[in-house]
Amino acid sequence: MARVLTAARCTVHPRHQGDYLKTVLGLARLGRGRGQRIWVFRHTHDATRFIEFTEAPAPLAHRALSSKTAAERGLERKLTSLAIYEEDAWELYEEQPLAGTTARDHGETDD
């Protein structure tokens, strides 16, 4: 199966940014068991704008599609109270292998 990725753009008021980052970290920790990885970047010219990249090894392991524990549902609700997400924030993208590359070229291992 192909890896999947979302890039969710959001705005976070400065007074909520610490809680926002802690909440995303909590989600990242809880999602590791399903192979999820989350990265957060802040805009270089507007410190209130962020983008969250969430990657998973397959669609049903991704936080946008997977079944969630009560703790994950709580953290997702908290995120929506701390950040304003753009309308199309949860578009799901599927990895497309490049001709002549292998899984190892993409950082995957044969474990």
C-alpha atoms as a PDB file:
ATOM      1  CA  MET A   1       0.000   0.000   0.000  1.00  0.00           C
ATOM      2  CA  ALA A   2       1.077   3.546  -0.647  1.00  0.00           C
ATOM      3  CA  ARG A   3       1.898   6.030   2.077  1.00  0.00           C
ATOM      4  CA  VAL A   4      -0.547   8.907   2.545  1.00  0.00           C
ATOM      5  CA  LEU A   5      -0.061  12.508   3.619  1.00  0.00           C
ATOM      6  CA  THR A   6      -2.114  15.529   4.611  1.00  0.00           C
ATOM      7  CA  ALA A   7      -0.942  19.108   4.854  1.00  0.00           C
ATOM      8  CA  ALA A   8      -3.332  21.002   7.125  1.00  0.00           C
ATOM      9  CA  ARG A   9      -3.007  24.786   7.234  1.00  0.00           C
ATOM     10  CA  CYS A  10      -4.221  26.598  10.327  1.00  0.00           C
ATOM     11  CA  THR A  11      -3.999  29.841  12.274  1.00  0.00           C
ATOM     12  CA  VAL A  12      -3.173  29.857  15.984  1.00  0.00           C
ATOM     13  CA  HIS A  13      -3.372  32.931  18.214  1.00  0.00           C
ATOM     14  CA  PRO A  14      -0.034  33.568  19.987  1.00  0.00           C
ATOM     15  CA  ARG A  15      -1.534  32.931  23.439  1.00  0.00           C
ATOM     16  CA  HIS A  16      -2.618  29.418  22.314  1.00  0.00           C
ATOM     17  CA  GLN A  17       0.556  28.365  20.520  1.00  0.00           C
ATOM     18  CA  GLY A  18       2.169  26.567  23.455  1.00  0.00           C
ATOM     19  CA  ASP A  19      -0.967  24.493  24.079  1.00  0.00           C
ATOM     20  CA  TYR A  20      -1.368  23.901  20.346  1.00  0.00           C
ATOM     21  CA  LEU A  21       2.163  22.489  20.010  1.00  0.00           C
ATOM     22  CA  LYS A  22       1.768  20.313  23.128  1.00  0.00           C
ATOM     23  CA  THR A  23      -1.519  18.966  21.782  1.00  0.00           C
ATOM     24  CA  VAL A  24      -0.011  18.081  18.392  1.00  0.00           C
ATOM     25  CA  LEU A  25       2.880  16.395  20.218  1.00  0.00           C
ATOM     26  CA  GLY A  26       0.362  14.330  22.183  1.00  0.00           C
ATOM     27  CA  LEU A  27      -1.330  13.233  18.960  1.00  0.00           C
ATOM     28  CA  ALA A  28       2.025  12.391  17.409  1.00  0.00           C
ATOM     29  CA  ARG A  29       2.908  10.178  20.367  1.00  0.00           C
ATOM     30  CA  LEU A  30      -0.441   8.385  20.317  1.00  0.00           C
ATOM     31  CA  GLY A  31      -0.299   7.812  16.553  1.00  0.00           C
ATOM     32  CA  ARG A  32       3.167   6.246  16.507  1.00  0.00           C
ATOM     33  CA  GLY A  33       1.686   2.804  17.097  1.00  0.00           C
ATOM     34  CA  ARG A  34      -0.061   3.029  13.714  1.00  0.00           C
ATOM     35  CA  GLY A  35       3.070   4.352  12.032  1.00  0.00           C
ATOM     36  CA  GLN A  36       1.847   7.962  11.895  1.00  0.00           C
ATOM     37  CA  ARG A  37       4.336  10.802  11.820  1.00  0.00           C
ATOM     38  CA  ILE A  38       3.445  14.467  12.343  1.00  0.00           C
ATOM     39  CA  TRP A  39       5.529  17.560  11.598  1.00  0.00           C
ATOM     40  CA  VAL A  40       4.575  21.164  12.346  1.00  0.00           C
ATOM     41  CA  PHE A  41       6.030  24.210  10.591  1.00  0.00           C
ATOM     42  CA  ARG A  42       5.377  27.876  11.343  1.00  0.00           C
ATOM     43  CA  HIS A  43       5.210  30.461   8.575  1.00  0.00           C
ATOM     44  CA  THR A  44       8.390  32.551   8.371  1.00  0.00           C
ATOM     45  CA  HIS A  45       6.606  35.903   8.009  1.00  0.00           C
ATOM     46  CA  ASP A  46       3.354  35.338   9.930  1.00  0.00           C
ATOM     47  CA  ALA A  47       3.948  33.659  13.291  1.00  0.00           C
ATOM     48  CA  THR A  48       0.237  32.820  13.658  1.00  0.00           C
ATOM     49  CA  ARG A  49       0.180  30.538  10.587  1.00  0.00           C
ATOM     50  CA  PHE A  50       1.134  26.878  10.847  1.00  0.00           C
ATOM     51  CA  ILE A  51       1.063  23.823   8.635  1.00  0.00           C
ATOM     52  CA  GLU A  52       0.777  20.271   9.983  1.00  0.00           C
ATOM     53  CA  PHE A  53       2.037  17.407   7.871  1.00  0.00           C
ATOM     54  CA  THR A  54       0.685  14.028   8.888  1.00  0.00           C
ATOM     55  CA  GLU A  55       2.024  10.911   7.199  1.00  0.00           C
ATOM     56  CA  ALA A  56       0.900   7.317   7.591  1.00  0.00           C
ATOM     57  CA  PRO A  57       1.961   4.041   5.969  1.00  0.00           C
ATOM     58  CA  ALA A  58      -1.574   3.418   4.594  1.00  0.00           C
ATOM     59  CA  PRO A  59      -4.889   5.315   4.364  1.00  0.00           C
ATOM     60  CA  LEU A  60      -6.566   3.525   7.270  1.00  0.00           C
ATOM     61  CA  ALA A  61      -3.601   4.280   9.556  1.00  0.00           C
ATOM     62  CA  HIS A  62      -3.832   8.039   8.927  1.00  0.00           C
ATOM     63  CA  ARG A  63      -5.303  10.233  11.652  1.00  0.00           C
ATOM     64  CA  ALA A  64      -7.877  11.638   9.206  1.00  0.00           C
ATOM     65  CA  LEU A  65      -9.290   8.149   8.516  1.00  0.00           C
ATOM     66  CA  SER A  66      -8.314   5.802  11.326  1.00  0.00           C
ATOM     67  CA  SER A  67     -10.504   4.942  14.257  1.00  0.00           C
ATOM     68  CA  LYS A  68      -9.328   6.933  17.251  1.00  0.00           C
ATOM     69  CA  THR A  69      -8.986   6.218  20.933  1.00  0.00           C
ATOM     70  CA  ALA A  70     -10.854   8.407  23.395  1.00  0.00           C
ATOM     71  CA  ALA A  71      -7.579  10.207  24.148  1.00  0.00           C
ATOM     72  CA  GLU A  72      -7.003  10.950  20.443  1.00  0.00           C
ATOM     73  CA  ARG A  73     -10.568  12.214  19.980  1.00  0.00           C
ATOM     74  CA  GLY A  74     -10.080  14.519  22.957  1.00  0.00           C
ATOM     75  CA  LEU A  75      -6.827  15.907  21.580  1.00  0.00           C
ATOM     76  CA  GLU A  76      -8.368  16.438  18.120  1.00  0.00           C
ATOM     77  CA  ARG A  77     -11.252  18.372  19.737  1.00  0.00           C
ATOM     78  CA  LYS A  78      -8.756  20.426  21.714  1.00  0.00           C
ATOM     79  CA  LEU A  79      -6.867  21.278  18.508  1.00  0.00           C
ATOM     80  CA  THR A  80     -10.023  22.641  16.905  1.00  0.00           C
ATOM     81  CA  SER A  81     -10.537  24.867  19.939  1.00  0.00           C
ATOM     82  CA  LEU A  82      -6.971  26.219  19.723  1.00  0.00           C
ATOM     83  CA  ALA A  83      -6.544  26.575  15.954  1.00  0.00           C
ATOM     84  CA  ILE A  84      -8.631  27.709  13.030  1.00  0.00           C
ATOM     85  CA  TYR A  85      -8.192  25.204  10.209  1.00  0.00           C
ATOM     86  CA  GLU A  86      -8.629  26.189   6.589  1.00  0.00           C
ATOM     87  CA  GLU A  87     -11.673  24.680   4.892  1.00  0.00           C
ATOM     88  CA  ASP A  88      -9.749  22.216   2.713  1.00  0.00           C
ATOM     89  CA  ALA A  89      -7.173  21.377   5.389  1.00  0.00           C
ATOM     90  CA  TRP A  90      -7.670  17.619   5.313  1.00  0.00           C
ATOM     91  CA  GLU A  91      -7.115  16.692   1.692  1.00  0.00           C
ATOM     92  CA  LEU A  92      -5.470  13.277   1.604  1.00  0.00           C
ATOM     93  CA  TYR A  93      -2.610  12.610  -0.816  1.00  0.00           C
ATOM     94  CA  GLU A  94      -1.280   9.180  -1.785  1.00  0.00           C
ATOM     95  CA  GLU A  95       2.395   8.636  -2.531  1.00  0.00           C
ATOM     96  CA  GLN A  96       3.246   8.037  -6.173  1.00  0.00           C
ATOM     97  CA  PRO A  97       6.438   6.045  -6.691  1.00  0.00           C
ATOM     98  CA  LEU A  98       8.902   7.675  -9.042  1.00  0.00           C
ATOM     99  CA  ALA A  99      10.109   5.552 -11.930  1.00  0.00           C
ATOM    100  CA  GLY A 100      13.366   3.799 -11.111  1.00  0.00           C
ATOM    101  CA  THR A 101      13.180   4.363  -7.332  1.00  0.00           C
ATOM    102  CA  THR A 102      12.771   1.852  -4.551  1.00  0.00           C
ATOM    103  CA  ALA A 103      11.219   2.028  -1.098  1.00  0.00           C
ATOM    104  CA  ARG A 104      14.741   2.434   0.317  1.00  0.00           C
ATOM    105  CA  ASP A 105      15.143   5.636  -1.771  1.00  0.00           C
ATOM    106  CA  HIS A 106      12.182   7.070   0.162  1.00  0.00           C
ATOM    107  CA  GLY A 107      13.598   6.280   3.589  1.00  0.00           C
ATOM    108  CA  GLU A 108      11.682   3.033   4.022  1.00  0.00           C
ATOM    109  CA  THR A 109      13.363  -0.124   5.248  1.00  0.00           C
ATOM    110  CA  ASP A 110      12.682  -3.795   4.701  1.00  0.00           C
ATOM    111  CA  ASP A 111      12.157  -4.430   8.454  1.00  0.00           C
END
